[in-house]
Amino acid sequence: MPEPPDTSFDDDLEQLGFRLQGASRRGGTMWTLTFNRFLQFVLHDYGDAAVLTWSVALGDYFEERGWRLGVTDTSTAELYPEHDVRLPRDASTVRGEVTRVLATLRLDLGDPAL
């Protein structure tokens, strides 16, 4: 039985749901994964490594729920990591990092242990 053809990193990213956005500002290629209306992952592929970051449109999220932030323009209220993560160009590693981020974003504001 013939072996399946090797897939490229680009193919693997598309399988994960990332979409090609074009050139990155610092060179390389930029990919985005719109996880839902508020959460987006951005991956920069530099050929030898990938850099993954994410952002949550926190102002929009709160506004949709009828909550207010202490800023006038809620569209500028965004949650993002302090540091981007440098990863090897490996789809399973990218998938693992997305899963890790999703687990850390789970927050129960009504938890008395906070």
N, C-alpha and C. Protein backbone atom coordinates (compact mmCIF):
# COMPACT_ATOMS: atom_id res chain seq x y z
N MET A 1 0.86 -1.18 0.00
CA MET A 1 0.00 0.00 0.00
C MET A 1 0.89 1.23 0.00
N PRO A 2 0.66 2.21 -0.89
CA PRO A 2 1.52 3.39 -0.95
C PRO A 2 1.33 4.26 0.29
N GLU A 3 2.43 4.90 0.68
CA GLU A 3 2.38 5.82 1.82
C GLU A 3 1.69 7.11 1.39
N PRO A 4 0.95 7.74 2.31
CA PRO A 4 0.33 9.02 1.95
C PRO A 4 1.41 10.06 1.68
N PRO A 5 1.13 10.98 0.78
CA PRO A 5 2.14 12.01 0.49
C PRO A 5 2.39 12.88 1.72
N ASP A 6 3.62 13.35 1.84
CA ASP A 6 3.95 14.26 2.93
C ASP A 6 3.18 15.56 2.74
N THR A 7 2.71 16.09 3.85
CA THR A 7 2.03 17.38 3.78
C THR A 7 3.00 18.46 4.22
N SER A 8 2.81 19.62 3.69
CA SER A 8 3.66 20.75 4.08
C SER A 8 3.11 21.38 5.35
N PHE A 9 3.93 22.22 5.97
CA PHE A 9 3.49 22.95 7.16
C PHE A 9 2.29 23.82 6.82
N ASP A 10 2.29 24.42 5.63
CA ASP A 10 1.15 25.23 5.19
C ASP A 10 -0.12 24.39 5.13
N ASP A 11 -0.02 23.20 4.57
CA ASP A 11 -1.18 22.30 4.49
C ASP A 11 -1.67 21.95 5.89
N ASP A 12 -0.73 21.67 6.79
CA ASP A 12 -1.08 21.33 8.16
C ASP A 12 -1.79 22.48 8.86
N LEU A 13 -1.31 23.71 8.64
CA LEU A 13 -1.97 24.88 9.24
C LEU A 13 -3.40 25.02 8.71
N GLU A 14 -3.58 24.81 7.42
CA GLU A 14 -4.92 24.88 6.85
C GLU A 14 -5.82 23.81 7.46
N GLN A 15 -5.27 22.63 7.70
CA GLN A 15 -6.05 21.55 8.35
C GLN A 15 -6.48 21.96 9.76
N LEU A 16 -5.67 22.76 10.44
CA LEU A 16 -6.00 23.23 11.78
C LEU A 16 -7.01 24.38 11.75
N GLY A 17 -7.27 24.94 10.57
CA GLY A 17 -8.22 26.03 10.45
C GLY A 17 -7.59 27.39 10.23
N PHE A 18 -6.26 27.46 10.16
CA PHE A 18 -5.58 28.73 9.89
C PHE A 18 -5.78 29.12 8.43
N ARG A 19 -5.85 30.42 8.20
CA ARG A 19 -5.98 30.96 6.84
C ARG A 19 -4.81 31.89 6.56
N LEU A 20 -4.25 31.76 5.38
CA LEU A 20 -3.12 32.59 4.96
C LEU A 20 -3.56 34.03 4.83
N GLN A 21 -2.80 34.95 5.46
CA GLN A 21 -3.11 36.38 5.39
C GLN A 21 -2.13 37.16 4.55
N GLY A 22 -0.97 36.57 4.25
CA GLY A 22 0.02 37.27 3.45
C GLY A 22 1.33 37.41 4.19
N ALA A 23 2.08 38.44 3.81
CA ALA A 23 3.40 38.66 4.40
C ALA A 23 3.29 39.25 5.80
N SER A 24 4.17 38.80 6.67
CA SER A 24 4.27 39.34 8.02
C SER A 24 5.09 40.62 7.98
N ARG A 25 4.87 41.51 8.92
CA ARG A 25 5.61 42.79 8.94
C ARG A 25 7.11 42.58 9.08
N ARG A 26 7.50 41.53 9.75
CA ARG A 26 8.94 41.27 9.98
C ARG A 26 9.47 40.19 9.05
N GLY A 27 8.81 40.00 7.92
CA GLY A 27 9.20 38.95 7.00
C GLY A 27 8.44 37.68 7.31
N GLY A 28 8.54 36.71 6.46
CA GLY A 28 7.81 35.48 6.69
C GLY A 28 6.36 35.60 6.25
N THR A 29 5.57 34.65 6.70
CA THR A 29 4.18 34.55 6.30
C THR A 29 3.28 34.63 7.53
N MET A 30 2.15 35.30 7.39
CA MET A 30 1.23 35.43 8.51
C MET A 30 -0.03 34.61 8.24
N TRP A 31 -0.45 33.86 9.26
CA TRP A 31 -1.65 33.04 9.22
C TRP A 31 -2.56 33.45 10.37
N THR A 32 -3.88 33.36 10.18
CA THR A 32 -4.81 33.65 11.27
C THR A 32 -5.79 32.49 11.45
N LEU A 33 -6.18 32.30 12.67
CA LEU A 33 -7.22 31.33 13.02
C LEU A 33 -8.26 32.08 13.84
N THR A 34 -9.41 32.35 13.24
CA THR A 34 -10.49 33.00 13.95
C THR A 34 -11.24 31.91 14.69
N PHE A 35 -11.00 31.81 16.00
CA PHE A 35 -11.55 30.73 16.80
C PHE A 35 -13.05 30.93 17.06
N ASN A 36 -13.42 32.17 17.35
CA ASN A 36 -14.82 32.55 17.51
C ASN A 36 -14.92 34.06 17.27
N ARG A 37 -16.05 34.67 17.58
CA ARG A 37 -16.24 36.10 17.29
C ARG A 37 -15.25 36.99 18.05
N PHE A 38 -14.66 36.49 19.12
CA PHE A 38 -13.84 37.33 19.99
C PHE A 38 -12.37 36.93 20.02
N LEU A 39 -12.07 35.66 19.79
CA LEU A 39 -10.71 35.13 19.94
C LEU A 39 -10.09 34.83 18.59
N GLN A 40 -8.88 35.36 18.40
CA GLN A 40 -8.15 35.11 17.16
C GLN A 40 -6.70 34.76 17.48
N PHE A 41 -6.20 33.73 16.81
CA PHE A 41 -4.80 33.35 16.89
C PHE A 41 -4.10 33.86 15.64
N VAL A 42 -2.86 34.30 15.80
CA VAL A 42 -2.04 34.74 14.67
C VAL A 42 -0.72 34.01 14.74
N LEU A 43 -0.34 33.39 13.62
CA LEU A 43 0.92 32.67 13.55
C LEU A 43 1.78 33.31 12.47
N HIS A 44 3.02 33.59 12.82
CA HIS A 44 4.00 34.12 11.88
C HIS A 44 4.98 33.00 11.58
N ASP A 45 5.06 32.59 10.32
CA ASP A 45 5.96 31.52 9.88
C ASP A 45 7.20 32.15 9.27
N TYR A 46 8.33 31.97 9.95
CA TYR A 46 9.59 32.57 9.48
C TYR A 46 10.48 31.58 8.75
N GLY A 47 9.96 30.40 8.45
CA GLY A 47 10.74 29.42 7.70
C GLY A 47 11.52 28.47 8.59
N ASP A 48 12.15 28.99 9.64
CA ASP A 48 12.90 28.13 10.57
C ASP A 48 12.15 27.93 11.88
N ALA A 49 11.18 28.76 12.14
CA ALA A 49 10.37 28.68 13.36
C ALA A 49 9.07 29.45 13.13
N ALA A 50 8.15 29.25 14.03
CA ALA A 50 6.87 29.96 13.97
C ALA A 50 6.67 30.70 15.29
N VAL A 51 5.99 31.83 15.23
CA VAL A 51 5.67 32.60 16.42
C VAL A 51 4.16 32.71 16.49
N LEU A 52 3.60 32.29 17.62
CA LEU A 52 2.15 32.28 17.80
C LEU A 52 1.75 33.28 18.86
N THR A 53 0.71 34.03 18.58
CA THR A 53 0.13 34.94 19.54
C THR A 53 -1.39 34.85 19.41
N TRP A 54 -2.11 35.55 20.26
CA TRP A 54 -3.56 35.54 20.23
C TRP A 54 -4.08 36.84 20.79
N SER A 55 -5.35 37.12 20.53
CA SER A 55 -5.99 38.29 21.13
C SER A 55 -7.47 38.00 21.30
N VAL A 56 -8.04 38.60 22.34
CA VAL A 56 -9.46 38.50 22.63
C VAL A 56 -10.02 39.92 22.60
N ALA A 57 -11.08 40.12 21.84
CA ALA A 57 -11.76 41.41 21.80
C ALA A 57 -12.61 41.51 23.07
N LEU A 58 -11.94 41.81 24.17
CA LEU A 58 -12.56 41.80 25.48
C LEU A 58 -13.68 42.85 25.60
N GLY A 59 -13.45 44.02 25.05
CA GLY A 59 -14.47 45.07 25.11
C GLY A 59 -15.74 44.63 24.40
N ASP A 60 -15.61 44.04 23.23
CA ASP A 60 -16.78 43.57 22.49
C ASP A 60 -17.48 42.44 23.24
N TYR A 61 -16.67 41.54 23.83
CA TYR A 61 -17.23 40.43 24.61
C TYR A 61 -18.07 40.94 25.77
N PHE A 62 -17.52 41.89 26.53
CA PHE A 62 -18.25 42.44 27.67
C PHE A 62 -19.48 43.23 27.23
N GLU A 63 -19.32 44.03 26.19
CA GLU A 63 -20.43 44.85 25.72
C GLU A 63 -21.61 43.99 25.27
N GLU A 64 -21.33 42.88 24.61
CA GLU A 64 -22.40 41.98 24.16
C GLU A 64 -23.20 41.42 25.34
N ARG A 65 -22.57 41.33 26.49
CA ARG A 65 -23.23 40.81 27.68
C ARG A 65 -23.87 41.91 28.55
N GLY A 66 -23.75 43.15 28.10
CA GLY A 66 -24.34 44.25 28.85
C GLY A 66 -23.47 44.72 30.00
N TRP A 67 -22.19 44.36 29.97
CA TRP A 67 -21.25 44.78 31.01
C TRP A 67 -20.46 45.98 30.50
N ARG A 68 -19.99 46.81 31.40
CA ARG A 68 -19.24 48.00 31.02
C ARG A 68 -17.80 47.91 31.52
N LEU A 69 -16.91 48.47 30.74
CA LEU A 69 -15.51 48.61 31.13
C LEU A 69 -15.26 50.06 31.50
N GLY A 70 -14.18 50.30 32.21
CA GLY A 70 -13.85 51.66 32.62
C GLY A 70 -13.13 52.43 31.53
N VAL A 71 -13.47 52.18 30.28
CA VAL A 71 -12.92 52.94 29.16
C VAL A 71 -14.09 53.38 28.28
N THR A 72 -13.92 54.48 27.59
CA THR A 72 -14.99 55.00 26.74
C THR A 72 -15.13 54.17 25.47
N ASP A 73 -14.01 53.87 24.82
CA ASP A 73 -14.03 53.13 23.56
C ASP A 73 -13.74 51.66 23.84
N THR A 74 -14.80 50.86 23.99
CA THR A 74 -14.61 49.45 24.33
C THR A 74 -13.96 48.65 23.21
N SER A 75 -13.98 49.17 21.98
CA SER A 75 -13.37 48.44 20.87
C SER A 75 -11.85 48.35 21.03
N THR A 76 -11.27 49.18 21.88
CA THR A 76 -9.82 49.13 22.09
C THR A 76 -9.43 48.23 23.25
N ALA A 77 -10.40 47.70 23.99
CA ALA A 77 -10.12 46.83 25.13
C ALA A 77 -9.85 45.43 24.61
N GLU A 78 -8.57 45.05 24.60
CA GLU A 78 -8.17 43.78 24.03
C GLU A 78 -7.27 43.05 25.02
N LEU A 79 -7.47 41.75 25.12
CA LEU A 79 -6.64 40.90 25.97
C LEU A 79 -5.68 40.14 25.07
N TYR A 80 -4.42 40.10 25.44
CA TYR A 80 -3.41 39.38 24.65
C TYR A 80 -2.29 38.96 25.59
N PRO A 81 -1.47 38.01 25.16
CA PRO A 81 -0.42 37.51 26.05
C PRO A 81 0.71 38.52 26.22
N GLU A 82 1.37 38.45 27.36
CA GLU A 82 2.53 39.31 27.61
C GLU A 82 3.65 38.99 26.62
N HIS A 83 3.80 37.71 26.29
CA HIS A 83 4.86 37.27 25.37
C HIS A 83 4.28 36.32 24.33
N ASP A 84 4.72 36.48 23.10
CA ASP A 84 4.37 35.53 22.05
C ASP A 84 5.18 34.26 22.28
N VAL A 85 4.77 33.16 21.66
CA VAL A 85 5.44 31.88 21.86
C VAL A 85 6.12 31.46 20.57
N ARG A 86 7.41 31.17 20.68
CA ARG A 86 8.18 30.68 19.53
C ARG A 86 8.09 29.16 19.52
N LEU A 87 7.71 28.61 18.36
CA LEU A 87 7.47 27.18 18.23
C LEU A 87 8.23 26.62 17.02
N PRO A 88 8.51 25.32 17.04
CA PRO A 88 9.01 24.70 15.81
C PRO A 88 7.89 24.67 14.78
N ARG A 89 8.26 24.53 13.53
CA ARG A 89 7.26 24.47 12.46
C ARG A 89 6.66 23.06 12.41
N ASP A 90 5.81 22.80 13.38
CA ASP A 90 5.23 21.47 13.54
C ASP A 90 3.77 21.65 13.95
N ALA A 91 2.86 21.09 13.14
CA ALA A 91 1.43 21.30 13.37
C ALA A 91 0.98 20.76 14.73
N SER A 92 1.53 19.65 15.17
CA SER A 92 1.09 19.10 16.47
C SER A 92 1.51 20.02 17.61
N THR A 93 2.65 20.68 17.48
CA THR A 93 3.09 21.63 18.50
C THR A 93 2.19 22.87 18.49
N VAL A 94 1.85 23.34 17.30
CA VAL A 94 0.94 24.49 17.19
C VAL A 94 -0.42 24.13 17.80
N ARG A 95 -0.94 22.96 17.46
CA ARG A 95 -2.22 22.50 18.02
C ARG A 95 -2.14 22.44 19.54
N GLY A 96 -1.04 21.91 20.07
CA GLY A 96 -0.86 21.83 21.52
C GLY A 96 -0.84 23.19 22.18
N GLU A 97 -0.21 24.17 21.54
CA GLU A 97 -0.16 25.52 22.11
C GLU A 97 -1.53 26.18 22.07
N VAL A 98 -2.27 25.99 20.99
CA VAL A 98 -3.64 26.53 20.92
C VAL A 98 -4.48 25.92 22.03
N THR A 99 -4.36 24.63 22.23
CA THR A 99 -5.10 23.94 23.29
C THR A 99 -4.71 24.47 24.66
N ARG A 100 -3.42 24.70 24.88
CA ARG A 100 -2.94 25.24 26.16
C ARG A 100 -3.53 26.62 26.42
N VAL A 101 -3.52 27.47 25.39
CA VAL A 101 -4.08 28.82 25.53
C VAL A 101 -5.57 28.75 25.86
N LEU A 102 -6.30 27.90 25.15
CA LEU A 102 -7.73 27.77 25.41
C LEU A 102 -7.99 27.35 26.86
N ALA A 103 -7.16 26.46 27.38
CA ALA A 103 -7.33 26.02 28.77
C ALA A 103 -7.05 27.15 29.75
N THR A 104 -6.09 28.01 29.44
CA THR A 104 -5.76 29.11 30.36
C THR A 104 -6.77 30.24 30.29
N LEU A 105 -7.54 30.33 29.21
CA LEU A 105 -8.53 31.39 29.06
C LEU A 105 -9.83 31.09 29.80
N ARG A 106 -9.98 29.90 30.29
CA ARG A 106 -11.19 29.54 31.03
C ARG A 106 -11.14 30.22 32.40
N LEU A 107 -12.08 31.14 32.60
CA LEU A 107 -12.10 31.94 33.81
C LEU A 107 -13.53 32.03 34.31
N ASP A 108 -13.72 31.69 35.56
CA ASP A 108 -15.04 31.78 36.19
C ASP A 108 -14.97 32.94 37.18
N LEU A 109 -15.48 34.11 36.77
CA LEU A 109 -15.41 35.29 37.63
C LEU A 109 -16.24 35.13 38.90
N GLY A 110 -17.15 34.18 38.91
CA GLY A 110 -17.95 33.92 40.10
C GLY A 110 -17.33 32.91 41.04
N ASP A 111 -16.11 32.46 40.73
CA ASP A 111 -15.42 31.49 41.58
C ASP A 111 -14.96 32.17 42.86
N PRO A 112 -15.43 31.74 44.05
CA PRO A 112 -15.02 32.38 45.30
C PRO A 112 -13.54 32.18 45.62
N ALA A 113 -12.89 31.25 44.94
CA ALA A 113 -11.48 31.00 45.20
C ALA A 113 -10.57 32.04 44.54
N LEU A 114 -11.13 32.90 43.69
CA LEU A 114 -10.29 33.92 43.03
C LEU A 114 -9.71 34.88 44.00
